[in-house]
Amino acid sequence: MKLRIAVLSGDGIGPEIMKQGIAVMNAIASKFNHEFTYEEAICGAHAIDVVGEPYPESTHEVCMRADAVLFAAVGDLKYDNDPTSPVRPEQGLLAMRKKLGLFANIRPVFTYDCLLHKSPLKDELLRGVNFVVIRELTGGMYFGAKHQDNDMAYDTDIYTRPEIERILKVGFETAMKRKRHLTVVDKANVLASSRLWRQIAQEMEPLYPEVTTDYMFVDNASMRVLTEPGYFDVIVTENTFGDILTDETSCITGSMGLQPSSSLGEHTPLFEPVHGSWPQAAGQNLANPLAQILSAAMLLEHFGLEAEGKLVREAVSASLDAHVRTPEIQVEGGAKYGTKEVGEWIVNYINEA
């Protein structure tokens, strides 16, 4: 298979983890006789420094002519510490999602037995946990009308029926491919937008009679993903709630450095780790590349390359079992491995498989 991939390394640790993701993609291409070509483009703080905006039109053109986007992270301390800055790196990510029509963010949540001890949760709650959070990505408060002055600020949480229907369709169809259990997370007791979500979900239920559908307020859901994570199969929710819940699930995996994601919609699909840019660690060979590598596995599987994605996941599992890990998940007294060394080990595993 031939694939053209747009590469957006972004800021902070982005270039380091991206290098390992691409190395794994190249190892897969060599082993399975695929042809992957890459076109790099700037985004985030790097793009602001170069051209004054975080998602320039030239980058969008690269993304539009690609088959897939492999993205790392954006963010920089100089913007985090300046709330008055009119241009911010994260605006580039939002613009990219909007312009590419990426309305469905898919975030799998799973555990590795060898890492259960890294979670603050009890082992018996975690073993065998495997669910998916589907987050609406282009609506809600992130994109509604905004205002800020010295005395007042507001963000408008707005959703339309077509926006809700298309993301719920993804939720129901994903549940059909799994254990056929869908949980719709909202705040329908308070928010009008959530009541519309719940109304439309109830209207769609009869279209998927094989799926058991239930509803949960977000405050309850945020508790139960930590106290009863094995309950869930597929969660579907709006933008803000999804952002918070999927960061919370790092307590299940033991590290945000293990969580990949995909964003799907109208144009080029995008694959990215869910963690941030961690600018404090940039250039220090500390960052965990596994979420980036697992995002590459999701990219492969999106295009039907199941054996290829399976081998990447197998290599990641083998590296963890062999204690080839970056510092935040390494066992006490274990050997020291950095971003580069973990990536090289996984590439070697793929080459020798």
Protein backbone atom coordinates (compact mmCIF):
# COMPACT_ATOMS: atom_id res chain seq x y z
CA MET A 1 0.00 0.00 0.00
CA LYS A 2 1.08 3.55 -0.74
CA LEU A 3 0.26 6.25 1.81
CA ARG A 4 1.15 9.91 1.87
CA ILE A 5 1.42 11.11 5.45
CA ALA A 6 1.48 14.70 6.66
CA VAL A 7 3.85 14.98 9.63
CA LEU A 8 3.12 17.72 12.19
CA SER A 9 5.66 17.43 14.99
CA GLY A 10 4.66 20.68 16.68
CA ASP A 11 6.27 21.87 19.89
CA GLY A 12 8.09 20.67 22.99
CA ILE A 13 8.67 16.93 22.98
CA GLY A 14 6.78 16.63 19.68
CA PRO A 15 9.80 16.32 17.37
CA GLU A 16 11.42 13.66 19.60
CA ILE A 17 8.42 11.37 19.83
CA MET A 18 7.53 11.94 16.18
CA LYS A 19 10.97 10.72 15.14
CA GLN A 20 10.28 7.41 16.86
CA GLY A 21 6.78 7.16 15.40
CA ILE A 22 8.16 7.62 11.89
CA ALA A 23 10.94 5.09 12.56
CA VAL A 24 8.30 2.51 13.51
CA MET A 25 6.23 3.35 10.41
CA ASN A 26 9.32 2.87 8.24
CA ALA A 27 10.09 -0.48 9.88
CA ILE A 28 6.53 -1.62 9.13
CA ALA A 29 6.76 -0.36 5.54
CA SER A 30 9.98 -2.30 5.01
CA LYS A 31 8.68 -5.52 6.57
CA PHE A 32 5.31 -5.54 4.77
CA ASN A 33 6.43 -3.97 1.46
CA HIS A 34 4.46 -0.74 1.79
CA GLU A 35 5.46 2.69 0.55
CA PHE A 36 4.96 5.51 3.04
CA THR A 37 5.99 9.03 2.05
CA TYR A 38 6.06 11.97 4.44
CA GLU A 39 5.57 15.70 4.10
CA GLU A 40 6.40 17.82 7.12
CA ALA A 41 4.56 21.00 8.09
CA ILE A 42 4.69 23.48 10.96
CA CYS A 43 2.05 24.15 13.59
CA GLY A 44 1.62 25.46 17.13
CA ALA A 45 4.13 27.77 18.79
CA HIS A 46 6.72 26.86 16.18
CA ALA A 47 4.43 28.13 13.44
CA ILE A 48 3.63 31.31 15.39
CA ASP A 49 7.35 32.00 15.68
CA VAL A 50 7.86 31.44 11.94
CA VAL A 51 4.75 32.90 10.29
CA GLY A 52 2.69 34.46 13.10
CA GLU A 53 -0.17 31.94 13.17
CA PRO A 54 -0.46 28.43 14.65
CA TYR A 55 -2.06 26.65 11.66
CA PRO A 56 -0.99 28.42 8.49
CA GLU A 57 -2.68 27.80 5.16
CA SER A 58 0.44 26.09 3.84
CA THR A 59 0.14 23.49 6.61
CA HIS A 60 -3.54 22.99 5.86
CA GLU A 61 -2.70 22.35 2.21
CA VAL A 62 -0.19 19.68 3.25
CA CYS A 63 -2.85 18.01 5.39
CA MET A 64 -5.51 18.14 2.68
CA ARG A 65 -3.36 16.41 0.07
CA ALA A 66 -2.25 13.69 2.48
CA ASP A 67 -3.96 10.35 3.12
CA ALA A 68 -3.44 10.80 6.87
CA VAL A 69 -1.98 13.25 9.37
CA LEU A 70 0.41 12.06 12.06
CA PHE A 71 0.46 14.75 14.73
CA ALA A 72 2.45 15.09 17.95
CA ALA A 73 1.67 18.03 20.26
CA VAL A 74 1.45 21.83 20.52
CA GLY A 75 2.01 24.20 23.41
CA ASP A 76 4.71 26.41 24.89
CA LEU A 77 5.27 27.88 28.35
CA LYS A 78 5.53 31.43 27.08
CA TYR A 79 1.89 31.20 26.00
CA ASP A 80 0.71 29.13 28.98
CA ASN A 81 1.98 31.86 31.29
CA ASP A 82 0.41 34.72 29.31
CA PRO A 83 -3.40 34.50 29.44
CA THR A 84 -3.71 37.79 27.53
CA SER A 85 -1.90 36.52 24.42
CA PRO A 86 -4.23 36.98 21.41
CA VAL A 87 -2.61 34.10 19.48
CA ARG A 88 -2.02 30.73 21.14
CA PRO A 89 -0.57 27.41 19.93
CA GLU A 90 -3.72 25.50 20.87
CA GLN A 91 -5.73 27.68 18.49
CA GLY A 92 -3.87 25.90 15.70
CA LEU A 93 -5.12 22.52 16.87
CA LEU A 94 -8.70 23.79 17.04
CA ALA A 95 -8.38 25.37 13.59
CA MET A 96 -7.00 22.15 12.15
CA ARG A 97 -9.88 20.13 13.57
CA LYS A 98 -12.42 22.60 12.23
CA LYS A 99 -10.91 23.00 8.75
CA LEU A 100 -10.40 19.26 8.30
CA GLY A 101 -13.88 18.57 9.66
CA LEU A 102 -12.52 16.23 12.34
CA PHE A 103 -15.64 15.89 14.45
CA ALA A 104 -15.04 12.46 16.04
CA ASN A 105 -12.14 11.87 18.42
CA ILE A 106 -11.61 8.17 19.23
CA ARG A 107 -9.62 7.47 22.40
CA PRO A 108 -9.16 3.83 23.44
CA VAL A 109 -8.56 3.14 27.12
CA PHE A 110 -6.82 -0.12 28.00
CA THR A 111 -4.41 -1.55 30.53
CA TYR A 112 -1.20 -3.55 30.54
CA ASP A 113 -0.92 -6.09 33.35
CA CYS A 114 2.73 -5.22 33.88
CA LEU A 115 1.81 -1.57 34.54
CA LEU A 116 -1.17 -1.96 36.85
CA HIS A 117 1.01 -0.92 39.78
CA LYS A 118 1.66 2.47 38.14
CA SER A 119 -1.99 3.44 38.46
CA PRO A 120 -3.31 4.98 41.70
CA LEU A 121 -6.30 2.64 41.34
CA LYS A 122 -6.50 -0.89 42.77
CA ASP A 123 -5.38 -3.74 40.53
CA GLU A 124 -8.72 -5.53 40.77
CA LEU A 125 -10.47 -2.49 39.28
CA LEU A 126 -8.10 -2.29 36.34
CA ARG A 127 -7.38 -5.77 35.08
CA GLY A 128 -8.97 -6.32 31.69
CA VAL A 129 -10.36 -2.79 31.34
CA ASN A 130 -10.90 -1.94 27.68
CA PHE A 131 -13.27 0.80 26.56
CA VAL A 132 -13.42 3.65 24.04
CA VAL A 133 -14.28 7.31 24.58
CA ILE A 134 -15.75 9.07 21.55
CA ARG A 135 -15.51 12.82 21.96
CA GLU A 136 -17.27 15.35 19.73
CA LEU A 137 -14.49 17.59 18.52
CA THR A 138 -15.72 20.60 16.57
CA GLY A 139 -18.64 22.00 18.58
CA GLY A 140 -19.55 23.14 22.06
CA MET A 141 -17.81 25.79 24.13
CA TYR A 142 -14.49 25.37 22.33
CA PHE A 143 -16.01 26.80 19.16
CA GLY A 144 -19.02 28.82 20.36
CA ALA A 145 -19.11 32.61 20.59
CA LYS A 146 -16.63 34.00 23.14
CA HIS A 147 -16.00 37.24 24.94
CA GLN A 148 -13.44 38.41 27.45
CA ASP A 149 -12.72 41.76 29.05
CA ASN A 150 -11.51 42.80 32.48
CA ASP A 151 -14.93 42.39 34.07
CA MET A 152 -16.74 39.64 32.17
CA ALA A 153 -16.10 36.58 30.05
CA TYR A 154 -18.28 33.92 28.46
CA ASP A 155 -18.06 30.86 26.23
CA THR A 156 -21.16 29.68 24.39
CA ASP A 157 -21.94 25.94 24.52
CA ILE A 158 -23.81 25.47 21.25
CA TYR A 159 -24.72 22.29 19.38
CA THR A 160 -26.96 21.65 16.37
CA ARG A 161 -28.96 18.51 15.59
CA PRO A 162 -26.73 17.46 12.65
CA GLU A 163 -23.60 17.78 14.81
CA ILE A 164 -25.12 15.62 17.53
CA GLU A 165 -26.58 13.03 15.17
CA ARG A 166 -23.31 12.39 13.34
CA ILE A 167 -21.24 11.85 16.50
CA LEU A 168 -23.94 9.65 18.07
CA LYS A 169 -23.93 7.59 14.87
CA VAL A 170 -20.20 7.00 15.37
CA GLY A 171 -20.92 6.00 18.97
CA PHE A 172 -23.65 3.51 18.10
CA GLU A 173 -21.70 2.00 15.21
CA THR A 174 -18.57 1.63 17.34
CA ALA A 175 -20.63 -0.12 20.03
CA MET A 176 -21.99 -2.51 17.38
CA LYS A 177 -18.41 -3.62 16.64
CA ARG A 178 -17.60 -4.15 20.33
CA LYS A 179 -19.74 -5.33 23.27
CA ARG A 180 -22.83 -3.40 22.15
CA HIS A 181 -23.01 -1.16 25.18
CA LEU A 182 -23.13 2.62 24.70
CA THR A 183 -23.08 5.21 27.50
CA VAL A 184 -24.14 8.74 26.57
CA VAL A 185 -22.51 11.22 28.96
CA ASP A 186 -24.15 14.63 29.41
CA LYS A 187 -25.38 17.14 32.01
CA ALA A 188 -29.02 17.10 30.99
CA ASN A 189 -30.26 18.08 34.44
CA VAL A 190 -28.68 21.53 34.03
CA LEU A 191 -27.65 22.26 30.43
CA ALA A 192 -30.05 22.79 27.52
CA SER A 193 -27.43 21.57 25.06
CA SER A 194 -27.18 18.31 26.99
CA ARG A 195 -30.94 17.87 26.95
CA LEU A 196 -30.86 18.07 23.16
CA TRP A 197 -28.07 15.45 23.14
CA ARG A 198 -30.17 13.12 25.27
CA GLN A 199 -33.33 13.72 23.23
CA ILE A 200 -31.58 12.88 19.96
CA ALA A 201 -29.85 9.83 21.43
CA GLN A 202 -33.21 8.50 22.60
CA GLU A 203 -34.63 9.08 19.10
CA MET A 204 -31.74 7.10 17.58
CA GLU A 205 -31.89 4.17 20.02
CA PRO A 206 -34.51 2.23 18.00
CA LEU A 207 -32.17 2.27 14.98
CA TYR A 208 -29.70 0.17 16.97
CA PRO A 209 -31.84 -2.30 18.94
CA GLU A 210 -28.84 -4.60 19.55
CA VAL A 211 -27.08 -1.86 21.52
CA THR A 212 -27.80 -1.40 25.23
CA THR A 213 -27.85 2.38 25.68
CA ASP A 214 -27.66 4.15 29.00
CA TYR A 215 -27.24 7.75 30.10
CA MET A 216 -24.98 9.22 32.74
CA PHE A 217 -24.38 12.74 34.04
CA VAL A 218 -20.78 13.78 33.57
CA ASP A 219 -20.11 14.17 37.29
CA ASN A 220 -21.23 10.58 37.87
CA ALA A 221 -19.28 9.38 34.83
CA SER A 222 -16.10 11.10 36.01
CA MET A 223 -16.38 9.17 39.26
CA ARG A 224 -17.26 5.81 37.73
CA VAL A 225 -14.45 5.74 35.17
CA LEU A 226 -12.18 5.61 38.22
CA THR A 227 -14.27 3.48 40.59
CA GLU A 228 -15.84 1.10 38.07
CA PRO A 229 -13.93 1.38 34.76
CA GLY A 230 -14.86 -2.17 33.75
CA TYR A 231 -18.49 -1.05 33.44
CA PHE A 232 -17.86 0.87 30.22
CA ASP A 233 -17.61 -0.30 26.61
CA VAL A 234 -18.19 2.85 24.52
CA ILE A 235 -18.69 6.35 25.91
CA VAL A 236 -19.89 9.17 23.64
CA THR A 237 -19.95 12.76 24.85
CA GLU A 238 -19.56 16.41 23.92
CA ASN A 239 -16.32 18.31 23.45
CA THR A 240 -15.58 19.72 26.91
CA PHE A 241 -16.71 16.67 28.85
CA GLY A 242 -14.73 14.41 26.52
CA ASP A 243 -11.57 16.44 26.97
CA ILE A 244 -11.75 16.13 30.76
CA LEU A 245 -12.80 12.47 30.89
CA THR A 246 -10.06 11.31 28.53
CA ASP A 247 -7.36 13.06 30.53
CA GLU A 248 -8.79 11.45 33.65
CA THR A 249 -8.42 8.01 32.09
CA SER A 250 -4.63 8.36 32.29
CA CYS A 251 -5.15 7.18 35.88
CA ILE A 252 -6.28 3.87 34.39
CA THR A 253 -3.41 3.33 31.97
CA GLY A 254 -0.80 4.57 34.46
CA SER A 255 0.60 7.25 32.16
CA MET A 256 -0.66 9.73 29.58
CA GLY A 257 2.36 8.60 27.57
CA LEU A 258 0.47 5.41 26.71
CA GLN A 259 -2.71 6.89 25.24
CA PRO A 260 -3.16 7.20 21.47
CA SER A 261 -6.11 8.63 19.57
CA SER A 262 -7.59 9.21 16.15
CA SER A 263 -9.72 12.07 14.88
CA LEU A 264 -12.04 11.30 11.99
CA GLY A 265 -14.45 13.32 9.92
CA GLU A 266 -14.94 14.98 6.58
CA HIS A 267 -11.40 15.11 5.24
CA THR A 268 -7.97 13.72 6.14
CA PRO A 269 -7.96 11.56 9.30
CA LEU A 270 -5.54 12.54 12.06
CA PHE A 271 -3.69 10.37 14.57
CA GLU A 272 -2.09 11.76 17.72
CA PRO A 273 -1.09 10.99 21.32
CA VAL A 274 -3.44 12.54 23.87
CA HIS A 275 -0.70 14.05 26.04
CA GLY A 276 0.60 17.59 25.71
CA SER A 277 3.88 19.06 24.53
CA TRP A 278 5.67 18.93 27.93
CA PRO A 279 8.01 21.79 26.97
CA GLN A 280 10.00 21.41 30.21
CA ALA A 281 11.32 18.06 28.93
CA ALA A 282 12.03 19.07 25.35
CA GLY A 283 15.38 17.83 24.06
CA GLN A 284 16.14 15.79 27.18
CA ASN A 285 15.33 12.31 25.80
CA LEU A 286 12.79 11.77 28.61
CA ALA A 287 9.46 11.65 26.82
CA ASN A 288 7.57 8.40 26.43
CA PRO A 289 7.15 7.72 22.67
CA LEU A 290 4.64 4.88 23.10
CA ALA A 291 1.47 6.98 22.66
CA GLN A 292 2.91 8.34 19.41
CA ILE A 293 3.85 4.84 18.28
CA LEU A 294 0.42 3.47 19.22
CA SER A 295 -1.16 6.37 17.28
CA ALA A 296 0.81 5.14 14.28
CA ALA A 297 -0.70 1.69 14.90
CA MET A 298 -4.18 3.26 14.82
CA LEU A 299 -3.27 4.92 11.52
CA LEU A 300 -2.26 1.57 10.03
CA GLU A 301 -5.43 -0.12 11.23
CA HIS A 302 -7.58 2.71 9.86
CA PHE A 303 -6.38 1.77 6.38
CA GLY A 304 -7.07 -1.92 6.93
CA LEU A 305 -3.50 -2.88 7.78
CA GLU A 306 -4.54 -5.03 10.72
CA ALA A 307 -1.49 -7.32 10.82
CA GLU A 308 0.79 -4.30 10.74
CA GLY A 309 -1.02 -2.56 13.57
CA LYS A 310 -1.07 -5.78 15.58
CA LEU A 311 2.71 -6.15 15.24
CA VAL A 312 3.26 -2.58 16.48
CA ARG A 313 1.05 -3.26 19.52
CA GLU A 314 2.86 -6.54 20.14
CA ALA A 315 6.19 -4.71 20.02
CA VAL A 316 4.96 -2.10 22.51
CA SER A 317 3.71 -4.80 24.89
CA ALA A 318 7.00 -6.68 24.58
CA SER A 319 8.99 -3.53 25.39
CA LEU A 320 6.96 -2.98 28.54
CA ASP A 321 7.32 -6.61 29.61
CA ALA A 322 11.08 -6.35 29.03
CA HIS A 323 11.23 -3.18 31.20
CA VAL A 324 12.36 -1.09 28.23
CA ARG A 325 10.58 1.99 29.50
CA THR A 326 11.04 5.71 29.92
CA PRO A 327 11.53 6.93 33.52
CA GLU A 328 7.91 7.70 34.46
CA ILE A 329 6.85 4.05 34.09
CA GLN A 330 10.13 2.24 34.77
CA VAL A 331 10.33 -0.25 37.63
CA GLU A 332 12.43 0.71 40.62
CA GLY A 333 16.06 -0.08 39.90
CA GLY A 334 15.35 -0.75 36.22
CA ALA A 335 17.74 0.22 33.46
CA LYS A 336 17.55 3.75 32.10
CA TYR A 337 15.95 4.17 28.70
CA GLY A 338 15.12 7.40 26.93
CA THR A 339 12.80 8.30 24.07
CA LYS A 340 15.34 7.25 21.47
CA GLU A 341 16.28 3.95 23.11
CA VAL A 342 12.66 2.83 23.55
CA GLY A 343 11.91 3.64 19.92
CA GLU A 344 15.01 1.79 18.70
CA TRP A 345 14.09 -1.30 20.75
CA ILE A 346 10.62 -1.41 19.21
CA VAL A 347 12.01 -0.96 15.69
CA ASN A 348 14.43 -3.84 16.28
CA TYR A 349 11.59 -6.02 17.55
CA ILE A 350 9.60 -5.34 14.38
CA ASN A 351 12.61 -6.01 12.16
CA GLU A 352 13.28 -9.34 13.85
CA ALA A 353 9.66 -10.51 14.09
